[in-house]
Amino acid sequence: MEINVADPKFASISPEIRTLSLDKMGKNLLVGTIGCEIYELSIEPSGKTVEAISPLVRGHASPRKSVRLSFAKPR
């Protein structure tokens, strides 16, 4: 099985895979990305294809798109 988080169906802001976690039954795979996203993939019983993709957490940060903040320090 191949997982390509850069595929448009994931809609990831930073699709590099950081972590993987398979449940004990081998039916669900959690995929964590560098962009702070977590997807749950339902694996077909043979383990060769993905049946469904559910975003659990949508990303809010990207190493390529940094947000810079500035503030005034009170005296």
PDB file of N, CA and C in Angstrom:
ATOM      1  N   MET A   1       0.854  -1.171   0.000  1.00  0.00           N
ATOM      2  CA  MET A   1       0.000   0.000   0.000  1.00  0.00           C
ATOM      3  C   MET A   1       0.898   1.231   0.000  1.00  0.00           C
ATOM      4  N   GLU A   2       0.485   2.217  -0.776  1.00  0.00           N
ATOM      5  CA  GLU A   2       1.215   3.472  -0.837  1.00  0.00           C
ATOM      6  C   GLU A   2       0.291   4.598  -0.398  1.00  0.00           C
ATOM      7  N   ILE A   3       0.816   5.494   0.441  1.00  0.00           N
ATOM      8  CA  ILE A   3       0.045   6.649   0.908  1.00  0.00           C
ATOM      9  C   ILE A   3       0.745   7.900   0.404  1.00  0.00           C
ATOM     10  N   ASN A   4       0.006   8.715  -0.322  1.00  0.00           N
ATOM     11  CA  ASN A   4       0.553   9.958  -0.846  1.00  0.00           C
ATOM     12  C   ASN A   4      -0.267  11.117  -0.272  1.00  0.00           C
ATOM     13  N   VAL A   5       0.218  11.720   0.798  1.00  0.00           N
ATOM     14  CA  VAL A   5      -0.508  12.798   1.466  1.00  0.00           C
ATOM     15  C   VAL A   5      -0.521  14.064   0.601  1.00  0.00           C
ATOM     16  N   ALA A   6       0.330  14.124  -0.411  1.00  0.00           N
ATOM     17  CA  ALA A   6       0.316  15.271  -1.327  1.00  0.00           C
ATOM     18  C   ALA A   6      -0.853  15.186  -2.309  1.00  0.00           C
ATOM     19  N   ASP A   7      -1.551  14.063  -2.335  1.00  0.00           N
ATOM     20  CA  ASP A   7      -2.730  13.895  -3.197  1.00  0.00           C
ATOM     21  C   ASP A   7      -3.785  14.929  -2.806  1.00  0.00           C
ATOM     22  N   PRO A   8      -4.445  15.566  -3.774  1.00  0.00           N
ATOM     23  CA  PRO A   8      -5.439  16.606  -3.463  1.00  0.00           C
ATOM     24  C   PRO A   8      -6.579  16.160  -2.546  1.00  0.00           C
ATOM     25  N   LYS A   9      -6.896  14.869  -2.488  1.00  0.00           N
ATOM     26  CA  LYS A   9      -7.988  14.430  -1.614  1.00  0.00           C
ATOM     27  C   LYS A   9      -7.662  14.624  -0.131  1.00  0.00           C
ATOM     28  N   PHE A  10      -6.389  14.763   0.201  1.00  0.00           N
ATOM     29  CA  PHE A  10      -6.004  15.054   1.579  1.00  0.00           C
ATOM     30  C   PHE A  10      -6.118  16.546   1.884  1.00  0.00           C
ATOM     31  N   ALA A  11      -5.873  17.394   0.913  1.00  0.00           N
ATOM     32  CA  ALA A  11      -5.895  18.853   1.089  1.00  0.00           C
ATOM     33  C   ALA A  11      -4.966  19.293   2.218  1.00  0.00           C
ATOM     34  N   SER A  12      -3.783  18.713   2.256  1.00  0.00           N
ATOM     35  CA  SER A  12      -2.810  19.017   3.302  1.00  0.00           C
ATOM     36  C   SER A  12      -2.037  20.290   2.970  1.00  0.00           C
ATOM     37  N   ILE A  13      -1.783  21.113   3.989  1.00  0.00           N
ATOM     38  CA  ILE A  13      -0.998  22.329   3.767  1.00  0.00           C
ATOM     39  C   ILE A  13       0.498  22.041   3.766  1.00  0.00           C
ATOM     40  N   SER A  14       0.893  20.950   4.392  1.00  0.00           N
ATOM     41  CA  SER A  14       2.297  20.541   4.418  1.00  0.00           C
ATOM     42  C   SER A  14       2.319  19.013   4.486  1.00  0.00           C
ATOM     43  N   PRO A  15       2.296  18.347   3.332  1.00  0.00           N
ATOM     44  CA  PRO A  15       2.011  16.916   3.271  1.00  0.00           C
ATOM     45  C   PRO A  15       3.128  15.942   3.643  1.00  0.00           C
ATOM     46  N   GLU A  16       4.194  16.389   4.222  1.00  0.00           N
ATOM     47  CA  GLU A  16       5.234  15.446   4.614  1.00  0.00           C
ATOM     48  C   GLU A  16       4.760  14.647   5.830  1.00  0.00           C
ATOM     49  N   ILE A  17       4.822  13.324   5.737  1.00  0.00           N
ATOM     50  CA  ILE A  17       4.376  12.461   6.834  1.00  0.00           C
ATOM     51  C   ILE A  17       5.398  12.504   7.955  1.00  0.00           C
ATOM     52  N   ARG A  18       4.896  12.720   9.168  1.00  0.00           N
ATOM     53  CA  ARG A  18       5.762  12.766  10.343  1.00  0.00           C
ATOM     54  C   ARG A  18       5.601  11.505  11.189  1.00  0.00           C
ATOM     55  N   THR A  19       4.360  11.019  11.351  1.00  0.00           N
ATOM     56  CA  THR A  19       4.130   9.827  12.169  1.00  0.00           C
ATOM     57  C   THR A  19       3.041   8.958  11.552  1.00  0.00           C
ATOM     58  N   LEU A  20       3.118   7.678  11.871  1.00  0.00           N
ATOM     59  CA  LEU A  20       2.110   6.695  11.483  1.00  0.00           C
ATOM     60  C   LEU A  20       1.779   5.847  12.704  1.00  0.00           C
ATOM     61  N   SER A  21       0.507   5.480  12.847  1.00  0.00           N
ATOM     62  CA  SER A  21       0.098   4.615  13.945  1.00  0.00           C
ATOM     63  C   SER A  21      -1.038   3.723  13.465  1.00  0.00           C
ATOM     64  N   LEU A  22      -0.831   2.415  13.508  1.00  0.00           N
ATOM     65  CA  LEU A  22      -1.825   1.436  13.082  1.00  0.00           C
ATOM     66  C   LEU A  22      -2.497   0.846  14.310  1.00  0.00           C
ATOM     67  N   ASP A  23      -3.833   0.725  14.280  1.00  0.00           N
ATOM     68  CA  ASP A  23      -4.526   0.147  15.435  1.00  0.00           C
ATOM     69  C   ASP A  23      -4.256  -1.357  15.525  1.00  0.00           C
ATOM     70  N   LYS A  24      -4.606  -1.966  16.651  1.00  0.00           N
ATOM     71  CA  LYS A  24      -4.310  -3.380  16.902  1.00  0.00           C
ATOM     72  C   LYS A  24      -4.958  -4.320  15.897  1.00  0.00           C
ATOM     73  N   MET A  25      -6.129  -3.948  15.388  1.00  0.00           N
ATOM     74  CA  MET A  25      -6.843  -4.782  14.428  1.00  0.00           C
ATOM     75  C   MET A  25      -6.333  -4.586  12.990  1.00  0.00           C
ATOM     76  N   GLY A  26      -5.517  -3.567  12.777  1.00  0.00           N
ATOM     77  CA  GLY A  26      -4.985  -3.292  11.447  1.00  0.00           C
ATOM     78  C   GLY A  26      -6.015  -2.711  10.491  1.00  0.00           C
ATOM     79  N   LYS A  27      -7.050  -2.081  11.039  1.00  0.00           N
ATOM     80  CA  LYS A  27      -8.122  -1.529  10.200  1.00  0.00           C
ATOM     81  C   LYS A  27      -8.041  -0.017  10.028  1.00  0.00           C
ATOM     82  N   ASN A  28      -7.418   0.668  10.962  1.00  0.00           N
ATOM     83  CA  ASN A  28      -7.335   2.134  10.907  1.00  0.00           C
ATOM     84  C   ASN A  28      -5.886   2.569  11.084  1.00  0.00           C
ATOM     85  N   LEU A  29      -5.498   3.509  10.251  1.00  0.00           N
ATOM     86  CA  LEU A  29      -4.153   4.047  10.296  1.00  0.00           C
ATOM     87  C   LEU A  29      -4.246   5.547  10.534  1.00  0.00           C
ATOM     88  N   LEU A  30      -3.547   6.037  11.549  1.00  0.00           N
ATOM     89  CA  LEU A  30      -3.468   7.479  11.790  1.00  0.00           C
ATOM     90  C   LEU A  30      -2.197   7.988  11.121  1.00  0.00           C
ATOM     91  N   VAL A  31      -2.336   9.077  10.384  1.00  0.00           N
ATOM     92  CA  VAL A  31      -1.207   9.683   9.684  1.00  0.00           C
ATOM     93  C   VAL A  31      -1.071  11.116  10.172  1.00  0.00           C
ATOM     94  N   GLY A  32       0.079  11.456  10.732  1.00  0.00           N
ATOM     95  CA  GLY A  32       0.360  12.816  11.177  1.00  0.00           C
ATOM     96  C   GLY A  32       1.329  13.478  10.218  1.00  0.00           C
ATOM     97  N   THR A  33       1.081  14.742   9.889  1.00  0.00           N
ATOM     98  CA  THR A  33       1.946  15.450   8.945  1.00  0.00           C
ATOM     99  C   THR A  33       2.721  16.569   9.641  1.00  0.00           C
ATOM    100  N   ILE A  34       3.700  17.066   8.950  1.00  0.00           N
ATOM    101  CA  ILE A  34       4.494  18.192   9.448  1.00  0.00           C
ATOM    102  C   ILE A  34       3.621  19.427   9.615  1.00  0.00           C
ATOM    103  N   GLY A  35       2.546  19.529   8.833  1.00  0.00           N
ATOM    104  CA  GLY A  35       1.640  20.674   8.892  1.00  0.00           C
ATOM    105  C   GLY A  35       0.632  20.591  10.026  1.00  0.00           C
ATOM    106  N   CYS A  36       0.884  19.764  11.038  1.00  0.00           N
ATOM    107  CA  CYS A  36       0.015  19.631  12.217  1.00  0.00           C
ATOM    108  C   CYS A  36      -1.365  19.097  11.856  1.00  0.00           C
ATOM    109  N   GLU A  37      -1.413  18.159  10.933  1.00  0.00           N
ATOM    110  CA  GLU A  37      -2.663  17.546  10.522  1.00  0.00           C
ATOM    111  C   GLU A  37      -2.648  16.080  10.921  1.00  0.00           C
ATOM    112  N   ILE A  38      -3.826  15.559  11.258  1.00  0.00           N
ATOM    113  CA  ILE A  38      -3.953  14.137  11.562  1.00  0.00           C
ATOM    114  C   ILE A  38      -5.111  13.596  10.730  1.00  0.00           C
ATOM    115  N   TYR A  39      -4.838  12.528   9.982  1.00  0.00           N
ATOM    116  CA  TYR A  39      -5.839  11.877   9.159  1.00  0.00           C
ATOM    117  C   TYR A  39      -6.021  10.449   9.646  1.00  0.00           C
ATOM    118  N   GLU A  40      -7.261   9.974   9.605  1.00  0.00           N
ATOM    119  CA  GLU A  40      -7.540   8.576   9.912  1.00  0.00           C
ATOM    120  C   GLU A  40      -7.903   7.890   8.602  1.00  0.00           C
ATOM    121  N   LEU A  41      -7.181   6.847   8.266  1.00  0.00           N
ATOM    122  CA  LEU A  41      -7.428   6.100   7.049  1.00  0.00           C
ATOM    123  C   LEU A  41      -8.024   4.751   7.415  1.00  0.00           C
ATOM    124  N   SER A  42      -9.152   4.422   6.832  1.00  0.00           N
ATOM    125  CA  SER A  42      -9.759   3.102   7.019  1.00  0.00           C
ATOM    126  C   SER A  42      -9.166   2.180   5.965  1.00  0.00           C
ATOM    127  N   ILE A  43      -8.531   1.125   6.438  1.00  0.00           N
ATOM    128  CA  ILE A  43      -7.825   0.204   5.553  1.00  0.00           C
ATOM    129  C   ILE A  43      -8.745  -0.952   5.165  1.00  0.00           C
ATOM    130  N   GLU A  44      -8.754  -1.312   3.898  1.00  0.00           N
ATOM    131  CA  GLU A  44      -9.528  -2.444   3.409  1.00  0.00           C
ATOM    132  C   GLU A  44      -8.964  -3.722   4.040  1.00  0.00           C
ATOM    133  N   PRO A  45      -9.790  -4.727   4.331  1.00  0.00           N
ATOM    134  CA  PRO A  45      -9.335  -5.920   5.059  1.00  0.00           C
ATOM    135  C   PRO A  45      -8.070  -6.599   4.510  1.00  0.00           C
ATOM    136  N   SER A  46      -7.862  -6.564   3.207  1.00  0.00           N
ATOM    137  CA  SER A  46      -6.647  -7.184   2.659  1.00  0.00           C
ATOM    138  C   SER A  46      -5.404  -6.349   2.959  1.00  0.00           C
ATOM    139  N   GLY A  47      -5.627  -5.071   3.387  1.00  0.00           N
ATOM    140  CA  GLY A  47      -4.508  -4.201   3.721  1.00  0.00           C
ATOM    141  C   GLY A  47      -3.831  -3.577   2.524  1.00  0.00           C
ATOM    142  N   LYS A  48      -4.456  -3.695   1.347  1.00  0.00           N
ATOM    143  CA  LYS A  48      -3.829  -3.180   0.134  1.00  0.00           C
ATOM    144  C   LYS A  48      -4.368  -1.830  -0.317  1.00  0.00           C
ATOM    145  N   THR A  49      -5.561  -1.475   0.111  1.00  0.00           N
ATOM    146  CA  THR A  49      -6.139  -0.203  -0.324  1.00  0.00           C
ATOM    147  C   THR A  49      -6.766   0.550   0.840  1.00  0.00           C
ATOM    148  N   VAL A  50      -6.919   1.850   0.641  1.00  0.00           N
ATOM    149  CA  VAL A  50      -7.550   2.707   1.638  1.00  0.00           C
ATOM    150  C   VAL A  50      -9.015   2.875   1.250  1.00  0.00           C
ATOM    151  N   GLU A  51      -9.917   2.592   2.192  1.00  0.00           N
ATOM    152  CA  GLU A  51     -11.348   2.715   1.919  1.00  0.00           C
ATOM    153  C   GLU A  51     -11.865   4.121   2.135  1.00  0.00           C
ATOM    154  N   ALA A  52     -11.371   4.802   3.163  1.00  0.00           N
ATOM    155  CA  ALA A  52     -11.865   6.142   3.483  1.00  0.00           C
ATOM    156  C   ALA A  52     -10.776   6.956   4.168  1.00  0.00           C
ATOM    157  N   ILE A  53     -10.856   8.271   3.979  1.00  0.00           N
ATOM    158  CA  ILE A  53      -9.925   9.201   4.622  1.00  0.00           C
ATOM    159  C   ILE A  53     -10.749  10.206   5.404  1.00  0.00           C
ATOM    160  N   SER A  54     -10.460  10.328   6.704  1.00  0.00           N
ATOM    161  CA  SER A  54     -11.167  11.293   7.545  1.00  0.00           C
ATOM    162  C   SER A  54     -10.159  12.216   8.207  1.00  0.00           C
ATOM    163  N   PRO A  55     -10.271  13.524   7.971  1.00  0.00           N
ATOM    164  CA  PRO A  55      -9.377  14.449   8.680  1.00  0.00           C
ATOM    165  C   PRO A  55      -9.842  14.598  10.128  1.00  0.00           C
ATOM    166  N   LEU A  56      -8.962  14.336  11.076  1.00  0.00           N
ATOM    167  CA  LEU A  56      -9.291  14.498  12.491  1.00  0.00           C
ATOM    168  C   LEU A  56      -8.887  15.883  12.975  1.00  0.00           C
ATOM    169  N   VAL A  57      -7.737  16.362  12.494  1.00  0.00           N
ATOM    170  CA  VAL A  57      -7.241  17.690  12.850  1.00  0.00           C
ATOM    171  C   VAL A  57      -6.715  18.327  11.576  1.00  0.00           C
ATOM    172  N   ARG A  58      -7.184  19.508  11.288  1.00  0.00           N
ATOM    173  CA  ARG A  58      -6.691  20.245  10.126  1.00  0.00           C
ATOM    174  C   ARG A  58      -5.511  21.095  10.547  1.00  0.00           C
ATOM    175  N   GLY A  59      -4.549  21.210   9.649  1.00  0.00           N
ATOM    176  CA  GLY A  59      -3.331  21.946   9.952  1.00  0.00           C
ATOM    177  C   GLY A  59      -3.543  23.436  10.094  1.00  0.00           C
ATOM    178  N   HIS A  60      -2.673  24.028  10.848  1.00  0.00           N
ATOM    179  CA  HIS A  60      -2.718  25.469  11.067  1.00  0.00           C
ATOM    180  C   HIS A  60      -1.331  26.075  10.949  1.00  0.00           C
ATOM    181  N   ALA A  61      -0.352  25.242  10.666  1.00  0.00           N
ATOM    182  CA  ALA A  61       1.023  25.727  10.575  1.00  0.00           C
ATOM    183  C   ALA A  61       1.724  25.018   9.435  1.00  0.00           C
ATOM    184  N   SER A  62       2.663  25.678   8.864  1.00  0.00           N
ATOM    185  CA  SER A  62       3.455  25.085   7.797  1.00  0.00           C
ATOM    186  C   SER A  62       4.880  25.597   7.904  1.00  0.00           C
ATOM    187  N   PRO A  63       5.843  24.711   7.772  1.00  0.00           N
ATOM    188  CA  PRO A  63       7.236  25.179   7.837  1.00  0.00           C
ATOM    189  C   PRO A  63       7.580  26.091   6.668  1.00  0.00           C
ATOM    190  N   ARG A  64       6.814  26.009   5.577  1.00  0.00           N
ATOM    191  CA  ARG A  64       7.069  26.846   4.411  1.00  0.00           C
ATOM    192  C   ARG A  64       6.372  28.197   4.474  1.00  0.00           C
ATOM    193  N   LYS A  65       5.364  28.307   5.309  1.00  0.00           N
ATOM    194  CA  LYS A  65       4.587  29.544   5.402  1.00  0.00           C
ATOM    195  C   LYS A  65       4.589  30.021   6.848  1.00  0.00           C
ATOM    196  N   SER A  66       5.596  30.725   7.209  1.00  0.00           N
ATOM    197  CA  SER A  66       5.695  31.154   8.598  1.00  0.00           C
ATOM    198  C   SER A  66       4.900  32.440   8.827  1.00  0.00           C
ATOM    199  N   VAL A  67       4.389  32.564  10.007  1.00  0.00           N
ATOM    200  CA  VAL A  67       3.673  33.761  10.413  1.00  0.00           C
ATOM    201  C   VAL A  67       4.551  34.484  11.413  1.00  0.00           C
ATOM    202  N   ARG A  68       4.787  35.732  11.176  1.00  0.00           N
ATOM    203  CA  ARG A  68       5.633  36.506  12.086  1.00  0.00           C
ATOM    204  C   ARG A  68       4.774  37.495  12.842  1.00  0.00           C
ATOM    205  N   LEU A  69       5.001  37.549  14.109  1.00  0.00           N
ATOM    206  CA  LEU A  69       4.239  38.458  14.972  1.00  0.00           C
ATOM    207  C   LEU A  69       5.154  39.545  15.509  1.00  0.00           C
ATOM    208  N   SER A  70       4.595  40.698  15.691  1.00  0.00           N
ATOM    209  CA  SER A  70       5.347  41.753  16.343  1.00  0.00           C
ATOM    210  C   SER A  70       4.407  42.434  17.334  1.00  0.00           C
ATOM    211  N   PHE A  71       4.964  42.887  18.420  1.00  0.00           N
ATOM    212  CA  PHE A  71       4.161  43.572  19.434  1.00  0.00           C
ATOM    213  C   PHE A  71       5.037  44.601  20.130  1.00  0.00           C
ATOM    214  N   ALA A  72       4.373  45.564  20.667  1.00  0.00           N
ATOM    215  CA  ALA A  72       5.088  46.606  21.400  1.00  0.00           C
ATOM    216  C   ALA A  72       5.236  46.168  22.850  1.00  0.00           C
ATOM    217  N   LYS A  73       6.405  46.313  23.363  1.00  0.00           N
ATOM    218  CA  LYS A  73       6.649  45.957  24.757  1.00  0.00           C
ATOM    219  C   LYS A  73       6.361  47.179  25.627  1.00  0.00           C
ATOM    220  N   PRO A  74       5.440  47.035  26.567  1.00  0.00           N
ATOM    221  CA  PRO A  74       5.159  48.177  27.442  1.00  0.00           C
ATOM    222  C   PRO A  74       6.357  48.493  28.342  1.00  0.00           C
ATOM    223  N   ARG A  75       6.505  49.760  28.664  1.00  0.00           N
ATOM    224  CA  ARG A  75       7.648  50.152  29.503  1.00  0.00           C
ATOM    225  C   ARG A  75       7.322  50.034  30.957  1.00  0.00           C
TER     226      ARG A  75
END
